Amino acid sequence: MAGWDANLIFDAGAHQGEDTEFYLRKGFRVVAIEASPRLASGLEQRFAAEIASGQLVVVQAAITERNGRVNFFENTRTSVWGTTRPEWAERNSRVGAPSRCIEVEGVTFETLLHRFGVPYYLKVDIEGSDMLCLEALRGFAAKPRYVSFESTKTSWKELLAEFDLLRSLGYHRYKVVPQHTVEAQVPASPAREGQFVEHRFPAGASGQFGAEAPGEWVDRARALAICYPIFMLYALFGDDGLTTKHPALKAELARYFPPPAPAMVGWYDTHASLD
């Protein structure tokens, strides 16, 4: 017996519901977790009917190491950059996106798994705290069939640790999916997850998941090979990259990295499967 709830999805870092909407339309029940009080309130208004029917639960809380109140850095320019990590807030400020510090409720991911059960699919995008959700799975015999999270692009050691954790949890097949091209994704037909829906993925969405996630499933070695050039490009063109710190380098490097290379430093998700 799999142990996961085949009709349940966790959307950790639900933001404005870009992904929650897709999951609901495909017929899944959803637990949407959002730390920002403003964004959580927006979710409750946008999906009032689904909440009333019991198809959706909105949890207004940050995922943290322990239950209790916690500082949350709500970004004043880019709402997707809200974080509980001071070092992430500092990075955001350096690139012109300052934050205001507010206090929100913090909850461990273990608490949510005990409360709602283990989902079929776990999507995580919580700006610096993604691994808290995966680490929480260690204490559960059942694991989600599929998980996805925003991969690090700044520390190769941390990336290896991410794949080590996935392997220890039983995940051995991976996809590295560029999220900055999510608007070009088209829902699979016939559907391989839930029911088919016509859908346009907005910028910032995680997009298709599970058996419908774009690309081929690969092993650890191949996934790391895909990640390596992403790291190289981010070191050059990323938010804290050399061309950001030294703009004069841009013209010189353009001879070696012509477009679209600089645009390829965007958001990448790692998808993992138990199968």
C-alpha atoms as a PDB file:
ATOM      1  CA  MET A   1       0.000   0.000   0.000  1.00  0.00           C
ATOM      2  CA  ALA A   2       1.427   3.389  -1.038  1.00  0.00           C
ATOM      3  CA  GLY A   3       0.381   5.288   2.083  1.00  0.00           C
ATOM      4  CA  TRP A   4      -0.050   8.662   0.409  1.00  0.00           C
ATOM      5  CA  ASP A   5      -3.470  10.239  -0.147  1.00  0.00           C
ATOM      6  CA  ALA A   6      -3.950   9.824  -3.900  1.00  0.00           C
ATOM      7  CA  ASN A   7      -6.249  12.853  -4.141  1.00  0.00           C
ATOM      8  CA  LEU A   8      -4.232  15.290  -2.002  1.00  0.00           C
ATOM      9  CA  ILE A   9      -1.657  17.912  -3.010  1.00  0.00           C
ATOM     10  CA  PHE A  10       0.320  20.221  -0.729  1.00  0.00           C
ATOM     11  CA  ASP A  11       1.134  23.630  -2.213  1.00  0.00           C
ATOM     12  CA  ALA A  12       3.809  24.955   0.156  1.00  0.00           C
ATOM     13  CA  GLY A  13       4.387  28.564  -0.840  1.00  0.00           C
ATOM     14  CA  ALA A  14       1.036  29.057  -2.551  1.00  0.00           C
ATOM     15  CA  HIS A  15       1.628  32.769  -3.261  1.00  0.00           C
ATOM     16  CA  GLN A  16      -1.412  34.015  -5.240  1.00  0.00           C
ATOM     17  CA  GLY A  17      -2.698  30.549  -6.092  1.00  0.00           C
ATOM     18  CA  GLU A  18      -1.021  30.165  -9.478  1.00  0.00           C
ATOM     19  CA  ASP A  19      -0.528  26.443  -8.837  1.00  0.00           C
ATOM     20  CA  THR A  20      -3.402  25.893  -6.427  1.00  0.00           C
ATOM     21  CA  GLU A  21      -5.857  26.848  -9.170  1.00  0.00           C
ATOM     22  CA  PHE A  22      -4.425  24.223 -11.534  1.00  0.00           C
ATOM     23  CA  TYR A  23      -4.514  21.475  -8.914  1.00  0.00           C
ATOM     24  CA  LEU A  24      -8.098  22.307  -7.958  1.00  0.00           C
ATOM     25  CA  ARG A  25      -9.245  22.354 -11.568  1.00  0.00           C
ATOM     26  CA  LYS A  26      -7.704  18.928 -12.093  1.00  0.00           C
ATOM     27  CA  GLY A  27      -9.901  17.625  -9.269  1.00  0.00           C
ATOM     28  CA  PHE A  28      -7.393  17.348  -6.408  1.00  0.00           C
ATOM     29  CA  ARG A  29      -7.916  18.435  -2.826  1.00  0.00           C
ATOM     30  CA  VAL A  30      -5.304  20.992  -1.854  1.00  0.00           C
ATOM     31  CA  VAL A  31      -3.625  22.238   1.304  1.00  0.00           C
ATOM     32  CA  ALA A  32      -2.243  25.679   0.375  1.00  0.00           C
ATOM     33  CA  ILE A  33       0.398  27.001   2.790  1.00  0.00           C
ATOM     34  CA  GLU A  34       1.265  30.695   2.664  1.00  0.00           C
ATOM     35  CA  ALA A  35       3.189  32.741   5.240  1.00  0.00           C
ATOM     36  CA  SER A  36       2.210  36.223   4.063  1.00  0.00           C
ATOM     37  CA  PRO A  37      -1.026  37.353   5.747  1.00  0.00           C
ATOM     38  CA  ARG A  38      -1.844  39.524   2.741  1.00  0.00           C
ATOM     39  CA  LEU A  39      -1.363  36.715   0.239  1.00  0.00           C
ATOM     40  CA  ALA A  40      -3.162  34.170   2.416  1.00  0.00           C
ATOM     41  CA  SER A  41      -6.132  36.514   2.673  1.00  0.00           C
ATOM     42  CA  GLY A  42      -6.105  36.827  -1.119  1.00  0.00           C
ATOM     43  CA  LEU A  43      -6.207  33.038  -1.447  1.00  0.00           C
ATOM     44  CA  GLU A  44      -9.172  32.838   0.903  1.00  0.00           C
ATOM     45  CA  GLN A  45     -11.055  35.399  -1.169  1.00  0.00           C
ATOM     46  CA  ARG A  46     -10.108  33.933  -4.546  1.00  0.00           C
ATOM     47  CA  PHE A  47     -11.020  30.369  -3.623  1.00  0.00           C
ATOM     48  CA  ALA A  48     -13.898  30.975  -1.221  1.00  0.00           C
ATOM     49  CA  ALA A  49     -16.118  28.418  -2.996  1.00  0.00           C
ATOM     50  CA  GLU A  50     -13.469  25.690  -2.902  1.00  0.00           C
ATOM     51  CA  ILE A  51     -12.809  26.367   0.781  1.00  0.00           C
ATOM     52  CA  ALA A  52     -16.526  26.185   1.526  1.00  0.00           C
ATOM     53  CA  SER A  53     -16.805  22.845  -0.294  1.00  0.00           C
ATOM     54  CA  GLY A  54     -13.838  21.392   1.600  1.00  0.00           C
ATOM     55  CA  GLN A  55     -11.704  20.972  -1.534  1.00  0.00           C
ATOM     56  CA  LEU A  56      -9.167  23.546  -0.283  1.00  0.00           C
ATOM     57  CA  VAL A  57      -7.635  24.407   3.073  1.00  0.00           C
ATOM     58  CA  VAL A  58      -5.521  27.561   3.375  1.00  0.00           C
ATOM     59  CA  VAL A  59      -2.906  27.463   6.149  1.00  0.00           C
ATOM     60  CA  GLN A  60      -1.605  30.940   6.958  1.00  0.00           C
ATOM     61  CA  ALA A  61       1.786  30.106   8.449  1.00  0.00           C
ATOM     62  CA  ALA A  62       5.494  29.912   7.670  1.00  0.00           C
ATOM     63  CA  ILE A  63       7.200  26.518   7.612  1.00  0.00           C
ATOM     64  CA  THR A  64       9.713  26.630  10.457  1.00  0.00           C
ATOM     65  CA  GLU A  65      11.949  24.437  12.628  1.00  0.00           C
ATOM     66  CA  ARG A  66       9.518  24.722  15.571  1.00  0.00           C
ATOM     67  CA  ASN A  67       5.952  25.851  16.180  1.00  0.00           C
ATOM     68  CA  GLY A  68       5.474  29.448  17.338  1.00  0.00           C
ATOM     69  CA  ARG A  69       5.718  33.036  16.211  1.00  0.00           C
ATOM     70  CA  VAL A  70       8.545  33.883  13.813  1.00  0.00           C
ATOM     71  CA  ASN A  71       9.912  36.860  11.886  1.00  0.00           C
ATOM     72  CA  PHE A  72       8.889  36.942   8.230  1.00  0.00           C
ATOM     73  CA  PHE A  73      10.509  39.267   5.718  1.00  0.00           C
ATOM     74  CA  GLU A  74       7.734  40.382   3.389  1.00  0.00           C
ATOM     75  CA  ASN A  75       9.281  41.758   0.213  1.00  0.00           C
ATOM     76  CA  THR A  76       8.048  45.190  -0.740  1.00  0.00           C
ATOM     77  CA  ARG A  77       8.880  44.847  -4.440  1.00  0.00           C
ATOM     78  CA  THR A  78       8.581  41.179  -5.363  1.00  0.00           C
ATOM     79  CA  SER A  79       5.944  39.275  -3.380  1.00  0.00           C
ATOM     80  CA  VAL A  80       7.363  35.846  -4.312  1.00  0.00           C
ATOM     81  CA  TRP A  81      10.547  36.684  -2.368  1.00  0.00           C
ATOM     82  CA  GLY A  82       8.974  36.606   1.084  1.00  0.00           C
ATOM     83  CA  THR A  83      11.193  34.571   3.431  1.00  0.00           C
ATOM     84  CA  THR A  84      11.950  33.711   7.043  1.00  0.00           C
ATOM     85  CA  ARG A  85      15.683  33.651   6.260  1.00  0.00           C
ATOM     86  CA  PRO A  86      17.501  36.926   7.150  1.00  0.00           C
ATOM     87  CA  GLU A  87      20.318  36.105   4.717  1.00  0.00           C
ATOM     88  CA  TRP A  88      17.810  35.789   1.870  1.00  0.00           C
ATOM     89  CA  ALA A  89      16.235  39.112   2.831  1.00  0.00           C
ATOM     90  CA  GLU A  90      19.692  40.701   2.803  1.00  0.00           C
ATOM     91  CA  ARG A  91      20.388  39.266  -0.667  1.00  0.00           C
ATOM     92  CA  ASN A  92      17.067  40.638  -1.908  1.00  0.00           C
ATOM     93  CA  SER A  93      17.874  44.065  -0.504  1.00  0.00           C
ATOM     94  CA  ARG A  94      21.250  44.073  -2.280  1.00  0.00           C
ATOM     95  CA  VAL A  95      19.503  43.590  -5.638  1.00  0.00           C
ATOM     96  CA  GLY A  96      17.024  46.380  -5.006  1.00  0.00           C
ATOM     97  CA  ALA A  97      14.133  44.467  -3.427  1.00  0.00           C
ATOM     98  CA  PRO A  98      13.954  45.396   0.277  1.00  0.00           C
ATOM     99  CA  SER A  99      11.684  43.737   2.824  1.00  0.00           C
ATOM    100  CA  ARG A 100       9.683  44.726   5.875  1.00  0.00           C
ATOM    101  CA  CYS A 101       9.868  42.433   8.888  1.00  0.00           C
ATOM    102  CA  ILE A 102       6.564  41.249  10.319  1.00  0.00           C
ATOM    103  CA  GLU A 103       5.666  38.495  12.773  1.00  0.00           C
ATOM    104  CA  VAL A 104       3.666  35.475  11.604  1.00  0.00           C
ATOM    105  CA  GLU A 105       2.742  32.065  12.925  1.00  0.00           C
ATOM    106  CA  GLY A 106       5.338  29.348  12.323  1.00  0.00           C
ATOM    107  CA  VAL A 107       4.514  25.661  12.013  1.00  0.00           C
ATOM    108  CA  THR A 108       6.647  22.584  11.469  1.00  0.00           C
ATOM    109  CA  PHE A 109       5.938  20.569   8.365  1.00  0.00           C
ATOM    110  CA  GLU A 110       5.613  17.469  10.531  1.00  0.00           C
ATOM    111  CA  THR A 111       2.632  19.140  12.201  1.00  0.00           C
ATOM    112  CA  LEU A 112       0.902  19.628   8.856  1.00  0.00           C
ATOM    113  CA  LEU A 113       1.600  16.060   7.720  1.00  0.00           C
ATOM    114  CA  HIS A 114       0.069  14.714  10.920  1.00  0.00           C
ATOM    115  CA  ARG A 115      -2.916  17.029  10.521  1.00  0.00           C
ATOM    116  CA  PHE A 116      -3.710  16.470   6.844  1.00  0.00           C
ATOM    117  CA  GLY A 117      -1.890  13.269   5.873  1.00  0.00           C
ATOM    118  CA  VAL A 118       0.873  12.549   3.372  1.00  0.00           C
ATOM    119  CA  PRO A 119       0.017  14.010  -0.044  1.00  0.00           C
ATOM    120  CA  TYR A 120       0.322  12.381  -3.446  1.00  0.00           C
ATOM    121  CA  TYR A 121       2.361  15.360  -4.632  1.00  0.00           C
ATOM    122  CA  LEU A 122       4.317  17.907  -2.602  1.00  0.00           C
ATOM    123  CA  LYS A 123       5.223  21.194  -4.285  1.00  0.00           C
ATOM    124  CA  VAL A 124       7.554  23.443  -2.304  1.00  0.00           C
ATOM    125  CA  ASP A 125       8.683  27.005  -3.012  1.00  0.00           C
ATOM    126  CA  ILE A 126       9.297  28.792   0.279  1.00  0.00           C
ATOM    127  CA  GLU A 127      12.427  30.851  -0.348  1.00  0.00           C
ATOM    128  CA  GLY A 128      15.236  29.253   1.598  1.00  0.00           C
ATOM    129  CA  SER A 129      13.250  26.759   3.672  1.00  0.00           C
ATOM    130  CA  ASP A 130      12.340  24.135   1.067  1.00  0.00           C
ATOM    131  CA  MET A 131      14.479  21.450   2.698  1.00  0.00           C
ATOM    132  CA  LEU A 132      12.485  21.691   5.935  1.00  0.00           C
ATOM    133  CA  CYS A 133       9.572  20.062   4.117  1.00  0.00           C
ATOM    134  CA  LEU A 134      11.678  17.240   2.693  1.00  0.00           C
ATOM    135  CA  GLU A 135      13.533  16.630   5.954  1.00  0.00           C
ATOM    136  CA  ALA A 136      10.182  16.273   7.725  1.00  0.00           C
ATOM    137  CA  LEU A 137       9.404  13.265   5.523  1.00  0.00           C
ATOM    138  CA  ARG A 138      12.109  11.248   7.312  1.00  0.00           C
ATOM    139  CA  GLY A 139       9.706  10.644  10.171  1.00  0.00           C
ATOM    140  CA  PHE A 140       6.961   9.143   8.001  1.00  0.00           C
ATOM    141  CA  ALA A 141       6.853   5.667   6.526  1.00  0.00           C
ATOM    142  CA  ALA A 142       4.787   6.928   3.599  1.00  0.00           C
ATOM    143  CA  LYS A 143       6.243   9.516   1.235  1.00  0.00           C
ATOM    144  CA  PRO A 144       4.603  11.598  -1.499  1.00  0.00           C
ATOM    145  CA  ARG A 145       4.813   9.840  -4.842  1.00  0.00           C
ATOM    146  CA  TYR A 146       6.187  13.047  -6.357  1.00  0.00           C
ATOM    147  CA  VAL A 147       7.917  16.108  -4.905  1.00  0.00           C
ATOM    148  CA  SER A 148       9.236  19.288  -6.458  1.00  0.00           C
ATOM    149  CA  PHE A 149      11.160  22.215  -5.008  1.00  0.00           C
ATOM    150  CA  GLU A 150      13.258  25.173  -6.099  1.00  0.00           C
ATOM    151  CA  SER A 151      16.834  23.983  -6.516  1.00  0.00           C
ATOM    152  CA  THR A 152      19.790  25.925  -5.168  1.00  0.00           C
ATOM    153  CA  LYS A 153      21.924  27.626  -7.808  1.00  0.00           C
ATOM    154  CA  THR A 154      24.622  29.053  -5.549  1.00  0.00           C
ATOM    155  CA  SER A 155      26.135  26.159  -3.574  1.00  0.00           C
ATOM    156  CA  TRP A 156      27.180  22.909  -5.240  1.00  0.00           C
ATOM    157  CA  LYS A 157      27.677  21.367  -1.796  1.00  0.00           C
ATOM    158  CA  GLU A 158      24.068  22.196  -0.892  1.00  0.00           C
ATOM    159  CA  LEU A 159      22.852  20.820  -4.205  1.00  0.00           C
ATOM    160  CA  LEU A 160      24.611  17.505  -3.543  1.00  0.00           C
ATOM    161  CA  ALA A 161      23.022  17.466  -0.084  1.00  0.00           C
ATOM    162  CA  GLU A 162      19.603  17.948  -1.693  1.00  0.00           C
ATOM    163  CA  PHE A 163      20.114  14.906  -3.902  1.00  0.00           C
ATOM    164  CA  ASP A 164      21.513  12.917  -0.970  1.00  0.00           C
ATOM    165  CA  LEU A 165      18.362  13.695   0.986  1.00  0.00           C
ATOM    166  CA  LEU A 166      16.129  12.714  -1.923  1.00  0.00           C
ATOM    167  CA  ARG A 167      17.969   9.414  -2.304  1.00  0.00           C
ATOM    168  CA  SER A 168      17.689   8.685   1.431  1.00  0.00           C
ATOM    169  CA  LEU A 169      13.920   9.228   1.178  1.00  0.00           C
ATOM    170  CA  GLY A 170      13.608   6.761  -1.695  1.00  0.00           C
ATOM    171  CA  TYR A 171      13.529   9.157  -4.660  1.00  0.00           C
ATOM    172  CA  HIS A 172      15.754   7.927  -7.484  1.00  0.00           C
ATOM    173  CA  ARG A 173      14.378   9.563 -10.656  1.00  0.00           C
ATOM    174  CA  TYR A 174      14.600  13.275 -11.332  1.00  0.00           C
ATOM    175  CA  LYS A 175      13.721  16.076 -13.701  1.00  0.00           C
ATOM    176  CA  VAL A 176      15.350  19.523 -13.724  1.00  0.00           C
ATOM    177  CA  VAL A 177      12.654  21.827 -15.085  1.00  0.00           C
ATOM    178  CA  PRO A 178      13.245  25.467 -16.161  1.00  0.00           C
ATOM    179  CA  GLN A 179      10.468  27.483 -14.578  1.00  0.00           C
ATOM    180  CA  HIS A 180      11.172  30.698 -16.482  1.00  0.00           C
ATOM    181  CA  THR A 181       9.632  28.982 -19.536  1.00  0.00           C
ATOM    182  CA  VAL A 182       6.543  27.738 -17.673  1.00  0.00           C
ATOM    183  CA  GLU A 183       4.204  29.924 -19.737  1.00  0.00           C
ATOM    184  CA  ALA A 184       5.007  27.758 -22.763  1.00  0.00           C
ATOM    185  CA  GLN A 185       3.830  24.552 -21.047  1.00  0.00           C
ATOM    186  CA  VAL A 186       0.642  22.970 -22.370  1.00  0.00           C
ATOM    187  CA  PRO A 187      -1.404  20.562 -20.190  1.00  0.00           C
ATOM    188  CA  ALA A 188      -0.977  16.930 -21.188  1.00  0.00           C
ATOM    189  CA  SER A 189      -3.818  15.439 -23.217  1.00  0.00           C
ATOM    190  CA  PRO A 190      -4.966  12.883 -22.367  1.00  0.00           C
ATOM    191  CA  ALA A 191      -4.296  13.703 -18.734  1.00  0.00           C
ATOM    192  CA  ARG A 192      -1.900  11.509 -16.775  1.00  0.00           C
ATOM    193  CA  GLU A 193      -2.597  13.300 -13.489  1.00  0.00           C
ATOM    194  CA  GLY A 194      -6.170  14.014 -12.401  1.00  0.00           C
ATOM    195  CA  GLN A 195      -8.581  15.214 -15.060  1.00  0.00           C
ATOM    196  CA  PHE A 196      -7.703  17.148 -18.207  1.00  0.00           C
ATOM    197  CA  VAL A 197      -8.262  20.911 -18.141  1.00  0.00           C
ATOM    198  CA  GLU A 198      -7.484  23.646 -20.613  1.00  0.00           C
ATOM    199  CA  HIS A 199      -5.066  25.884 -18.734  1.00  0.00           C
ATOM    200  CA  ARG A 200      -2.599  28.685 -19.333  1.00  0.00           C
ATOM    201  CA  PHE A 201       0.249  28.742 -16.831  1.00  0.00           C
ATOM    202  CA  PRO A 202       1.060  32.264 -15.595  1.00  0.00           C
ATOM    203  CA  ALA A 203       4.586  33.455 -14.959  1.00  0.00           C
ATOM    204  CA  GLY A 204       5.654  32.306 -11.519  1.00  0.00           C
ATOM    205  CA  ALA A 205       3.669  29.069 -11.616  1.00  0.00           C
ATOM    206  CA  SER A 206       5.384  25.736 -11.044  1.00  0.00           C
ATOM    207  CA  GLY A 207       3.461  24.194 -13.923  1.00  0.00           C
ATOM    208  CA  GLN A 208       2.836  20.550 -14.648  1.00  0.00           C
ATOM    209  CA  PHE A 209       3.783  17.881 -12.138  1.00  0.00           C
ATOM    210  CA  GLY A 210       4.170  14.169 -11.581  1.00  0.00           C
ATOM    211  CA  ALA A 211       3.779  12.065 -14.710  1.00  0.00           C
ATOM    212  CA  GLU A 212       2.955  15.245 -16.650  1.00  0.00           C
ATOM    213  CA  ALA A 213       6.085  17.221 -15.697  1.00  0.00           C
ATOM    214  CA  PRO A 214       8.017  18.162 -18.851  1.00  0.00           C
ATOM    215  CA  GLY A 215      11.174  16.319 -19.845  1.00  0.00           C
ATOM    216  CA  GLU A 216      12.490  12.845 -19.217  1.00  0.00           C
ATOM    217  CA  TRP A 217      13.204  11.209 -15.898  1.00  0.00           C
ATOM    218  CA  VAL A 218      16.936  10.809 -15.324  1.00  0.00           C
ATOM    219  CA  ASP A 219      19.233   9.395 -12.652  1.00  0.00           C
ATOM    220  CA  ARG A 220      21.291  11.413 -10.176  1.00  0.00           C
ATOM    221  CA  ALA A 221      24.411  11.661 -12.370  1.00  0.00           C
ATOM    222  CA  ARG A 222      22.467  12.959 -15.348  1.00  0.00           C
ATOM    223  CA  ALA A 223      20.500  15.418 -13.201  1.00  0.00           C
ATOM    224  CA  LEU A 224      23.724  16.858 -11.777  1.00  0.00           C
ATOM    225  CA  ALA A 225      25.142  17.135 -15.291  1.00  0.00           C
ATOM    226  CA  ILE A 226      22.099  19.216 -16.240  1.00  0.00           C
ATOM    227  CA  CYS A 227      22.572  21.406 -13.152  1.00  0.00           C
ATOM    228  CA  TYR A 228      26.262  22.157 -13.730  1.00  0.00           C
ATOM    229  CA  PRO A 229      25.896  24.675 -16.594  1.00  0.00           C
ATOM    230  CA  ILE A 230      23.017  26.310 -14.714  1.00  0.00           C
ATOM    231  CA  PHE A 231      25.431  26.955 -11.828  1.00  0.00           C
ATOM    232  CA  MET A 232      28.038  28.357 -14.206  1.00  0.00           C
ATOM    233  CA  LEU A 233      25.581  30.740 -15.843  1.00  0.00           C
ATOM    234  CA  TYR A 234      24.165  31.855 -12.491  1.00  0.00           C
ATOM    235  CA  ALA A 235      27.663  32.625 -11.212  1.00  0.00           C
ATOM    236  CA  LEU A 236      28.082  34.928 -14.199  1.00  0.00           C
ATOM    237  CA  PHE A 237      24.630  36.400 -14.759  1.00  0.00           C
ATOM    238  CA  GLY A 238      22.629  35.705 -11.585  1.00  0.00           C
ATOM    239  CA  ASP A 239      21.373  38.162  -8.960  1.00  0.00           C
ATOM    240  CA  ASP A 240      24.760  38.118  -7.211  1.00  0.00           C
ATOM    241  CA  GLY A 241      26.721  37.138 -10.320  1.00  0.00           C
ATOM    242  CA  LEU A 242      29.930  38.649 -11.654  1.00  0.00           C
ATOM    243  CA  THR A 243      28.156  40.763 -14.269  1.00  0.00           C
ATOM    244  CA  THR A 244      25.887  42.213 -11.588  1.00  0.00           C
ATOM    245  CA  LYS A 245      28.834  43.159  -9.404  1.00  0.00           C
ATOM    246  CA  HIS A 246      30.993  44.209 -12.380  1.00  0.00           C
ATOM    247  CA  PRO A 247      28.738  45.522 -15.194  1.00  0.00           C
ATOM    248  CA  ALA A 248      31.756  46.153 -17.445  1.00  0.00           C
ATOM    249  CA  LEU A 249      32.120  42.394 -17.790  1.00  0.00           C
ATOM    250  CA  LYS A 250      28.774  42.072 -19.576  1.00  0.00           C
ATOM    251  CA  ALA A 251      29.983  43.213 -22.976  1.00  0.00           C
ATOM    252  CA  GLU A 252      33.106  41.064 -22.764  1.00  0.00           C
ATOM    253  CA  LEU A 253      31.256  37.944 -21.658  1.00  0.00           C
ATOM    254  CA  ALA A 254      28.599  38.439 -24.326  1.00  0.00           C
ATOM    255  CA  ARG A 255      31.189  37.263 -26.876  1.00  0.00           C
ATOM    256  CA  TYR A 256      31.346  33.895 -25.144  1.00  0.00           C
ATOM    257  CA  PHE A 257      27.800  33.623 -23.814  1.00  0.00           C
ATOM    258  CA  PRO A 258      25.504  35.131 -26.434  1.00  0.00           C
ATOM    259  CA  PRO A 259      21.740  35.219 -25.900  1.00  0.00           C
ATOM    260  CA  PRO A 260      19.799  33.302 -24.745  1.00  0.00           C
ATOM    261  CA  ALA A 261      22.448  32.166 -22.236  1.00  0.00           C
ATOM    262  CA  PRO A 262      21.976  35.058 -19.745  1.00  0.00           C
ATOM    263  CA  ALA A 263      18.234  34.390 -19.702  1.00  0.00           C
ATOM    264  CA  MET A 264      18.842  30.770 -18.662  1.00  0.00           C
ATOM    265  CA  VAL A 265      19.737  31.715 -15.069  1.00  0.00           C
ATOM    266  CA  GLY A 266      16.113  31.795 -13.969  1.00  0.00           C
ATOM    267  CA  TRP A 267      14.201  29.584 -11.616  1.00  0.00           C
ATOM    268  CA  TYR A 268      14.725  25.802 -11.868  1.00  0.00           C
ATOM    269  CA  ASP A 269      12.749  23.153 -10.039  1.00  0.00           C
ATOM    270  CA  THR A 270      13.923  19.665  -9.191  1.00  0.00           C
ATOM    271  CA  HIS A 271      11.138  17.104  -9.533  1.00  0.00           C
ATOM    272  CA  ALA A 272      11.620  13.686  -7.947  1.00  0.00           C
ATOM    273  CA  SER A 273       9.674  10.431  -8.243  1.00  0.00           C
ATOM    274  CA  LEU A 274       9.493   7.305  -6.101  1.00  0.00           C
ATOM    275  CA  ASP A 275       8.788   5.193  -9.203  1.00  0.00           C
END
